[in-house]
Amino acid sequence: MVEFGGWEMPLEFSQGTVAEHMACRRGAAVFDVSHLGTVRLSGPGSWDRLQATLSNDLRKVGPGRAQYTHLLDDDGSVLDDIIVWWVGEERFDVMPNASNTGRVLGAIGGDDVTAQRAVLAVQGPKARAVVASAFPEAAQVPHNRVAQLVWSGRPAVVSGTGYTGEDGVEIAVPAEDAGRLWEVLVAAGAEPAGLGARDTLRLEAGLPLHGHELGPGITPLEAGLGWVVAWDKPGGFKGREALLAQRADGVRRLLKGALGSGRQPLRSGYPVTVGGQPAGELTSGNYSPVLGCGIGMCFLPPELAVGTEIVVEARGRPLGCRVASLPFVPKSRPVVATPATPVPETQAARPAPPSSPAPSLRR
């Protein structure tokens, strides 16, 4: 267990980060992501407030859908990246990063209900098949959809989203029900997974992390996320003028992958050179259990093509790498969810002894 933004969270369980990572890539893993915020907006005017504040366009979706979006600063940089769950006609559950809940609350208003609920994410090609044994209705919620359901007589909100690059669902239940739901999901076949695997999975999937690939001085265009910017949205949004200027001028740097040639993990902060000249530094890095080599992400000149040789300085040791396209690892083919024999809700999860500390995620 490690301290993380005021929360006590699991870095890894008894099987270890690599085993948890591979369970998610090949089967199903369950993550406790209750540290993520939930800011709830409801009633008349909620849609207008979000539409005027965030970068994406809610007109693209509707009730029962989820949308990825950004809260931007005046200079176009990303104050936070957010998932909006459009739960009901006039109810929105806005999901910011853990450290940014207060900032998002101040920008959009609403109520911070983070402490009232817990969120468990079941991810992997077999995620829906596993969830079907414990919560059949949840397994049927499609990708980027949201549904208000009932589990064991209690309210639940389920979204077909995640942060691993795999298929799966996120299940929000009253906080007091979280332990029981966790036990049922683990008994159904989900491998408990912690922050370590969550980081290596999102890195293989080429997904940005706030504080690394997103944050002050980093715009959606530089992060390769221009698709979350609704350029022609009536009324605009904060940061629009700065982004229009950057789009007209062209970005001077672009988020790209760095693929190592050996098993040495790449790490955030390692300098990157191209042709002997400084080109930037890694924003994230680690070891890829699937590829068996070090991988990382960095902002590089946009003209550098995939395959271009670069050098990453690992504490004075030069590592030969090359520019890679993102994601590093493609999404697996999901297994069709078929309800099976329900698992008794009293069946306990496997014990998980504490593990040694390591760098934690900021999200």
Protein backbone atom coordinates (compact mmCIF):
# COMPACT_ATOMS: atom_id res chain seq x y z
CA MET A 1 0.00 0.00 0.00
CA VAL A 2 1.17 3.54 -0.76
CA GLU A 3 -0.02 7.03 0.11
CA PHE A 4 -1.48 8.71 -2.95
CA GLY A 5 -3.02 12.17 -2.91
CA GLY A 6 -4.47 11.65 0.57
CA TRP A 7 -5.62 8.11 -0.22
CA GLU A 8 -4.12 4.80 0.86
CA MET A 9 -3.96 2.72 -2.30
CA PRO A 10 -2.58 -0.63 -3.47
CA LEU A 11 0.54 -0.45 -5.61
CA GLU A 12 0.37 -4.19 -6.28
CA PHE A 13 -1.14 -7.35 -4.86
CA SER A 14 0.42 -10.74 -4.11
CA GLN A 15 0.92 -11.72 -7.77
CA GLY A 16 2.98 -8.61 -8.58
CA THR A 17 2.66 -5.86 -11.17
CA VAL A 18 3.73 -7.89 -14.22
CA ALA A 19 1.29 -10.71 -13.46
CA GLU A 20 -1.52 -8.18 -12.90
CA HIS A 21 -0.62 -6.44 -16.15
CA MET A 22 -0.74 -9.68 -18.15
CA ALA A 23 -4.01 -10.70 -16.47
CA CYS A 24 -5.55 -7.52 -17.86
CA ARG A 25 -4.08 -8.07 -21.33
CA ARG A 26 -5.12 -11.74 -21.52
CA GLY A 27 -8.04 -12.10 -19.12
CA ALA A 28 -9.61 -9.68 -16.65
CA ALA A 29 -8.33 -7.47 -13.84
CA VAL A 30 -10.18 -5.34 -11.32
CA PHE A 31 -8.87 -1.95 -10.13
CA ASP A 32 -10.16 0.21 -7.28
CA VAL A 33 -10.25 3.71 -8.86
CA SER A 34 -12.32 5.34 -6.14
CA HIS A 35 -9.68 8.05 -5.77
CA LEU A 36 -10.90 9.60 -9.03
CA GLY A 37 -13.30 12.45 -8.37
CA THR A 38 -17.03 12.62 -9.03
CA VAL A 39 -18.54 16.09 -9.36
CA ARG A 40 -22.29 15.82 -9.87
CA LEU A 41 -24.35 18.40 -11.74
CA SER A 42 -28.11 18.09 -11.89
CA GLY A 43 -31.13 20.14 -12.80
CA PRO A 44 -31.78 22.87 -15.38
CA GLY A 45 -28.69 24.64 -16.62
CA SER A 46 -26.28 21.76 -16.02
CA TRP A 47 -25.84 21.02 -19.73
CA ASP A 48 -25.29 24.70 -20.54
CA ARG A 49 -22.66 25.05 -17.81
CA LEU A 50 -20.63 22.09 -19.01
CA GLN A 51 -21.02 23.01 -22.66
CA ALA A 52 -19.68 26.52 -22.01
CA THR A 53 -16.72 25.35 -19.90
CA LEU A 54 -15.27 22.16 -21.38
CA SER A 55 -13.53 21.70 -24.74
CA ASN A 56 -15.64 18.95 -26.29
CA ASP A 57 -19.20 19.26 -27.58
CA LEU A 58 -21.99 17.52 -25.68
CA ARG A 59 -24.16 17.76 -28.79
CA LYS A 60 -22.12 14.84 -30.16
CA VAL A 61 -23.58 12.55 -27.48
CA GLY A 62 -26.70 12.41 -25.31
CA PRO A 63 -28.11 10.88 -22.11
CA GLY A 64 -26.68 7.45 -21.46
CA ARG A 65 -23.32 8.29 -23.08
CA ALA A 66 -19.80 9.09 -21.82
CA GLN A 67 -17.52 11.71 -23.34
CA TYR A 68 -13.82 12.47 -22.94
CA THR A 69 -13.10 16.20 -22.69
CA HIS A 70 -10.68 18.81 -21.34
CA LEU A 71 -10.78 21.76 -18.95
CA LEU A 72 -8.40 24.30 -20.49
CA ASP A 73 -6.54 27.37 -19.28
CA ASP A 74 -6.48 30.68 -21.17
CA ASP A 75 -3.28 29.64 -22.97
CA GLY A 76 -4.92 26.43 -24.21
CA SER A 77 -3.01 24.13 -21.84
CA VAL A 78 -4.84 21.28 -20.14
CA LEU A 79 -5.88 21.98 -16.55
CA ASP A 80 -7.48 18.54 -16.43
CA ASP A 81 -8.69 15.76 -18.68
CA ILE A 82 -12.14 14.52 -17.75
CA ILE A 83 -14.73 11.87 -18.48
CA VAL A 84 -18.33 13.13 -18.39
CA TRP A 85 -20.95 10.50 -17.59
CA TRP A 86 -24.29 11.80 -18.91
CA VAL A 87 -26.32 9.68 -16.51
CA GLY A 88 -29.82 11.14 -16.97
CA GLU A 89 -31.55 13.90 -18.89
CA GLU A 90 -30.41 16.54 -16.35
CA ARG A 91 -27.74 14.62 -14.41
CA PHE A 92 -24.04 14.55 -15.16
CA ASP A 93 -21.31 12.77 -13.18
CA VAL A 94 -18.07 14.55 -14.10
CA MET A 95 -14.96 12.43 -13.41
CA PRO A 96 -11.77 14.50 -12.93
CA ASN A 97 -8.31 13.33 -11.92
CA ALA A 98 -7.96 12.83 -8.18
CA SER A 99 -5.72 15.84 -7.56
CA ASN A 100 -7.89 18.13 -9.68
CA THR A 101 -11.34 17.53 -8.18
CA GLY A 102 -11.35 20.88 -6.36
CA ARG A 103 -10.23 22.73 -9.49
CA VAL A 104 -12.97 21.16 -11.61
CA LEU A 105 -15.57 21.80 -8.91
CA GLY A 106 -14.61 25.47 -8.91
CA ALA A 107 -14.88 25.67 -12.69
CA ILE A 108 -18.23 23.95 -13.23
CA GLY A 109 -19.97 24.04 -9.84
CA GLY A 110 -22.07 21.11 -8.70
CA ASP A 111 -21.55 18.78 -5.75
CA ASP A 112 -18.48 16.73 -4.82
CA VAL A 113 -19.89 13.25 -4.16
CA THR A 114 -16.54 11.43 -4.32
CA ALA A 115 -16.74 10.21 -0.70
CA GLN A 116 -20.24 8.81 -1.18
CA ARG A 117 -19.37 6.21 -3.81
CA ALA A 118 -16.65 3.78 -4.82
CA VAL A 119 -15.65 2.96 -8.41
CA LEU A 120 -14.32 -0.45 -9.47
CA ALA A 121 -12.93 -0.86 -12.98
CA VAL A 122 -12.95 -4.33 -14.55
CA GLN A 123 -10.70 -4.38 -17.61
CA GLY A 124 -9.43 -6.92 -20.14
CA PRO A 125 -10.62 -9.05 -23.07
CA LYS A 126 -12.54 -11.29 -20.63
CA ALA A 127 -13.81 -8.44 -18.45
CA ARG A 128 -17.41 -8.61 -19.63
CA ALA A 129 -17.51 -12.39 -19.34
CA VAL A 130 -16.32 -12.09 -15.73
CA VAL A 131 -18.72 -9.25 -14.88
CA ALA A 132 -21.59 -11.26 -16.40
CA SER A 133 -21.22 -13.80 -13.59
CA ALA A 134 -21.47 -11.17 -10.86
CA PHE A 135 -23.56 -8.35 -12.36
CA PRO A 136 -25.06 -9.46 -15.72
CA GLU A 137 -26.68 -6.10 -16.57
CA ALA A 138 -23.36 -4.28 -16.13
CA ALA A 139 -21.66 -6.58 -18.61
CA GLN A 140 -24.09 -5.44 -21.31
CA VAL A 141 -23.27 -1.71 -21.07
CA PRO A 142 -21.53 -0.91 -24.39
CA HIS A 143 -18.34 1.06 -24.86
CA ASN A 144 -18.73 4.75 -23.95
CA ARG A 145 -22.30 4.19 -22.71
CA VAL A 146 -23.64 4.85 -19.21
CA ALA A 147 -26.49 3.10 -17.40
CA GLN A 148 -28.24 3.45 -14.05
CA LEU A 149 -28.67 -0.09 -12.73
CA VAL A 150 -29.32 -1.97 -9.50
CA TRP A 151 -26.89 -4.44 -7.93
CA SER A 152 -28.03 -6.52 -4.98
CA GLY A 153 -30.88 -4.11 -4.35
CA ARG A 154 -28.58 -1.08 -4.34
CA PRO A 155 -28.11 1.70 -6.93
CA ALA A 156 -25.17 1.49 -9.33
CA VAL A 157 -23.95 3.53 -12.28
CA VAL A 158 -22.00 1.62 -14.91
CA SER A 159 -19.91 3.07 -17.73
CA GLY A 160 -18.16 1.29 -20.59
CA THR A 161 -14.92 3.21 -20.11
CA GLY A 162 -11.46 2.57 -18.72
CA TYR A 163 -7.80 3.54 -18.74
CA THR A 164 -5.93 0.41 -19.79
CA GLY A 165 -6.47 0.24 -23.53
CA GLU A 166 -8.65 -2.84 -23.04
CA ASP A 167 -12.40 -3.35 -23.06
CA GLY A 168 -14.26 -3.22 -19.78
CA VAL A 169 -16.62 -1.37 -17.47
CA GLU A 170 -16.38 0.97 -14.50
CA ILE A 171 -18.93 0.34 -11.75
CA ALA A 172 -19.85 3.07 -9.25
CA VAL A 173 -21.69 1.85 -6.13
CA PRO A 174 -22.35 3.35 -2.68
CA ALA A 175 -19.05 3.33 -0.78
CA GLU A 176 -20.30 0.86 1.81
CA ASP A 177 -21.01 -1.73 -0.94
CA ALA A 178 -17.54 -1.63 -2.50
CA GLY A 179 -15.92 -4.40 -0.45
CA ARG A 180 -18.69 -6.87 -1.18
CA LEU A 181 -18.70 -6.09 -4.90
CA TRP A 182 -14.90 -6.44 -5.03
CA GLU A 183 -15.10 -9.89 -3.44
CA VAL A 184 -17.75 -11.03 -5.89
CA LEU A 185 -15.76 -9.81 -8.91
CA VAL A 186 -12.56 -11.48 -7.70
CA ALA A 187 -14.43 -14.72 -7.02
CA ALA A 188 -15.80 -14.53 -10.58
CA GLY A 189 -12.25 -14.47 -11.98
CA ALA A 190 -11.01 -10.87 -11.96
CA GLU A 191 -7.38 -10.54 -10.88
CA PRO A 192 -6.85 -7.78 -8.26
CA ALA A 193 -4.56 -5.12 -9.75
CA GLY A 194 -2.97 -1.97 -8.38
CA LEU A 195 -1.45 1.34 -9.43
CA GLY A 196 1.70 -0.25 -10.86
CA ALA A 197 -0.16 -2.29 -13.48
CA ARG A 198 -2.48 0.60 -14.21
CA ASP A 199 0.51 2.73 -15.18
CA THR A 200 2.23 0.10 -17.37
CA LEU A 201 -1.08 -0.69 -19.09
CA ARG A 202 -1.91 2.92 -19.93
CA LEU A 203 1.67 3.44 -21.15
CA GLU A 204 1.47 0.46 -23.54
CA ALA A 205 -1.85 1.91 -24.73
CA GLY A 206 -0.19 5.29 -25.36
CA LEU A 207 -2.67 7.10 -23.10
CA PRO A 208 -1.64 10.45 -21.59
CA LEU A 209 -1.44 11.03 -17.85
CA HIS A 210 -2.13 14.42 -16.33
CA GLY A 211 1.05 15.80 -14.82
CA HIS A 212 3.10 13.98 -17.46
CA GLU A 213 1.69 14.25 -21.00
CA LEU A 214 -0.97 16.79 -20.03
CA GLY A 215 -0.74 19.84 -17.79
CA PRO A 216 0.63 23.38 -17.65
CA GLY A 217 2.15 24.42 -20.98
CA ILE A 218 0.83 21.33 -22.80
CA THR A 219 -2.09 21.73 -25.20
CA PRO A 220 -4.41 19.07 -26.62
CA LEU A 221 -2.84 19.60 -30.06
CA GLU A 222 0.65 18.85 -28.76
CA ALA A 223 -0.66 15.72 -27.00
CA GLY A 224 -2.27 14.48 -30.22
CA LEU A 225 -5.75 15.00 -28.78
CA GLY A 226 -7.13 17.62 -31.12
CA TRP A 227 -10.25 15.50 -31.56
CA VAL A 228 -11.47 16.58 -28.09
CA VAL A 229 -11.56 20.23 -29.23
CA ALA A 230 -14.95 21.36 -30.62
CA TRP A 231 -13.66 24.24 -32.73
CA ASP A 232 -17.05 25.43 -33.94
CA LYS A 233 -19.04 24.99 -30.74
CA PRO A 234 -21.42 27.96 -30.30
CA GLY A 235 -20.11 30.24 -27.56
CA GLY A 236 -16.66 28.67 -27.63
CA PHE A 237 -14.77 27.68 -24.48
CA LYS A 238 -11.85 28.90 -22.39
CA GLY A 239 -8.55 28.57 -24.29
CA ARG A 240 -10.13 28.42 -27.75
CA GLU A 241 -8.37 31.50 -29.15
CA ALA A 242 -4.95 30.24 -28.07
CA LEU A 243 -5.60 26.86 -29.68
CA LEU A 244 -6.80 28.48 -32.92
CA ALA A 245 -3.52 30.40 -33.08
CA GLN A 246 -1.50 27.26 -32.43
CA ARG A 247 -3.43 25.33 -35.07
CA ALA A 248 -2.76 28.09 -37.61
CA ASP A 249 0.97 28.23 -36.81
CA GLY A 250 1.43 24.49 -36.43
CA VAL A 251 2.69 22.70 -33.32
CA ARG A 252 6.42 22.78 -32.66
CA ARG A 253 6.37 19.53 -30.70
CA LEU A 254 4.18 16.44 -30.73
CA LEU A 255 3.74 13.52 -28.35
CA LYS A 256 5.43 10.40 -29.73
CA GLY A 257 6.50 6.98 -28.51
CA ALA A 258 10.06 5.90 -27.71
CA LEU A 259 10.74 2.17 -28.17
CA GLY A 260 13.82 0.74 -26.48
CA SER A 261 16.03 -1.98 -27.92
CA GLY A 262 16.51 -3.85 -24.64
CA ARG A 263 14.85 -4.71 -21.34
CA GLN A 264 16.13 -1.60 -19.56
CA PRO A 265 13.06 0.36 -18.36
CA LEU A 266 12.77 3.92 -19.63
CA ARG A 267 11.90 6.52 -16.99
CA SER A 268 10.21 9.88 -16.85
CA GLY A 269 12.75 12.71 -17.00
CA TYR A 270 15.40 10.87 -19.03
CA PRO A 271 16.87 13.25 -21.65
CA VAL A 272 16.31 12.48 -25.35
CA THR A 273 18.71 13.41 -28.14
CA VAL A 274 18.35 13.20 -31.92
CA GLY A 275 21.49 13.24 -34.02
CA GLY A 276 23.47 14.26 -30.97
CA GLN A 277 21.27 17.30 -30.30
CA PRO A 278 18.95 17.70 -27.29
CA ALA A 279 15.33 17.10 -28.30
CA GLY A 280 13.45 16.88 -25.01
CA GLU A 281 12.93 14.38 -22.21
CA LEU A 282 10.66 11.44 -21.50
CA THR A 283 7.35 12.39 -19.93
CA SER A 284 6.63 8.76 -18.96
CA GLY A 285 8.54 5.51 -19.18
CA ASN A 286 8.62 1.96 -17.91
CA TYR A 287 9.11 -1.66 -18.96
CA SER A 288 6.54 -3.19 -21.30
CA PRO A 289 5.58 -6.70 -20.14
CA VAL A 290 4.00 -7.45 -23.54
CA LEU A 291 6.86 -6.21 -25.72
CA GLY A 292 9.66 -7.20 -23.33
CA CYS A 293 11.51 -3.90 -23.67
CA GLY A 294 11.58 -0.36 -22.33
CA ILE A 295 9.00 2.09 -23.66
CA GLY A 296 8.29 5.74 -23.06
CA MET A 297 6.58 8.86 -24.37
CA CYS A 298 8.08 12.24 -25.13
CA PHE A 299 7.41 15.48 -26.98
CA LEU A 300 9.54 15.60 -30.12
CA PRO A 301 9.67 17.66 -33.33
CA PRO A 302 6.56 16.73 -35.33
CA GLU A 303 8.54 15.95 -38.47
CA LEU A 304 10.41 13.02 -36.86
CA ALA A 305 9.09 9.90 -38.58
CA VAL A 306 8.32 6.55 -36.98
CA GLY A 307 11.51 4.50 -36.94
CA THR A 308 13.85 7.46 -36.52
CA GLU A 309 16.75 6.59 -34.23
CA ILE A 310 16.92 8.52 -30.97
CA VAL A 311 19.06 8.21 -27.84
CA VAL A 312 17.69 8.17 -24.31
CA GLU A 313 20.18 9.01 -21.56
CA ALA A 314 19.49 6.66 -18.65
CA ARG A 315 21.49 8.25 -15.80
CA GLY A 316 24.45 8.84 -18.06
CA ARG A 317 24.06 5.57 -19.97
CA PRO A 318 22.96 6.07 -23.59
CA LEU A 319 20.17 3.74 -24.70
CA GLY A 320 19.49 3.29 -28.40
CA CYS A 321 15.78 3.76 -29.12
CA ARG A 322 13.57 4.67 -32.03
CA VAL A 323 10.46 6.73 -32.54
CA ALA A 324 7.34 4.56 -32.36
CA SER A 325 3.69 5.11 -33.17
CA LEU A 326 1.10 5.01 -30.40
CA PRO A 327 -0.33 2.81 -29.02
CA PHE A 328 2.59 0.46 -28.47
CA VAL A 329 0.19 -2.48 -27.94
CA PRO A 330 -3.17 -2.73 -29.78
CA LYS A 331 -6.40 -3.48 -27.97
CA SER A 332 -7.26 -7.17 -27.53
CA ARG A 333 -10.36 -8.73 -29.03
CA PRO A 334 -13.05 -8.81 -26.30
CA VAL A 335 -14.68 -12.07 -25.25
CA VAL A 336 -18.47 -11.99 -25.59
CA ALA A 337 -20.18 -11.62 -22.24
CA THR A 338 -22.36 -14.64 -21.52
CA PRO A 339 -24.07 -14.78 -18.11
CA ALA A 340 -22.88 -17.79 -16.15
CA THR A 341 -23.76 -19.29 -12.82
CA PRO A 342 -23.86 -16.43 -10.27
CA VAL A 343 -21.04 -16.38 -7.73
CA PRO A 344 -22.24 -16.30 -4.09
CA GLU A 345 -21.81 -12.77 -2.74
CA THR A 346 -20.30 -14.09 0.48
CA GLN A 347 -17.38 -15.77 -1.26
CA ALA A 348 -14.22 -13.98 -0.11
CA ALA A 349 -11.44 -12.59 -2.26
CA ARG A 350 -7.88 -13.94 -2.15
CA PRO A 351 -5.71 -12.36 0.55
CA ALA A 352 -3.35 -9.59 -0.59
CA PRO A 353 -0.25 -9.01 1.54
CA PRO A 354 1.35 -5.54 1.49
CA SER A 355 4.10 -4.81 -1.06
CA SER A 356 7.11 -2.55 -1.34
CA PRO A 357 6.68 1.13 -2.28
CA ALA A 358 7.39 2.38 -5.81
CA PRO A 359 6.50 5.45 -7.88
CA SER A 360 2.74 5.98 -7.96
CA LEU A 361 0.35 7.38 -10.52
CA ARG A 362 -0.87 10.95 -10.25
CA ARG A 363 -4.20 10.27 -11.90
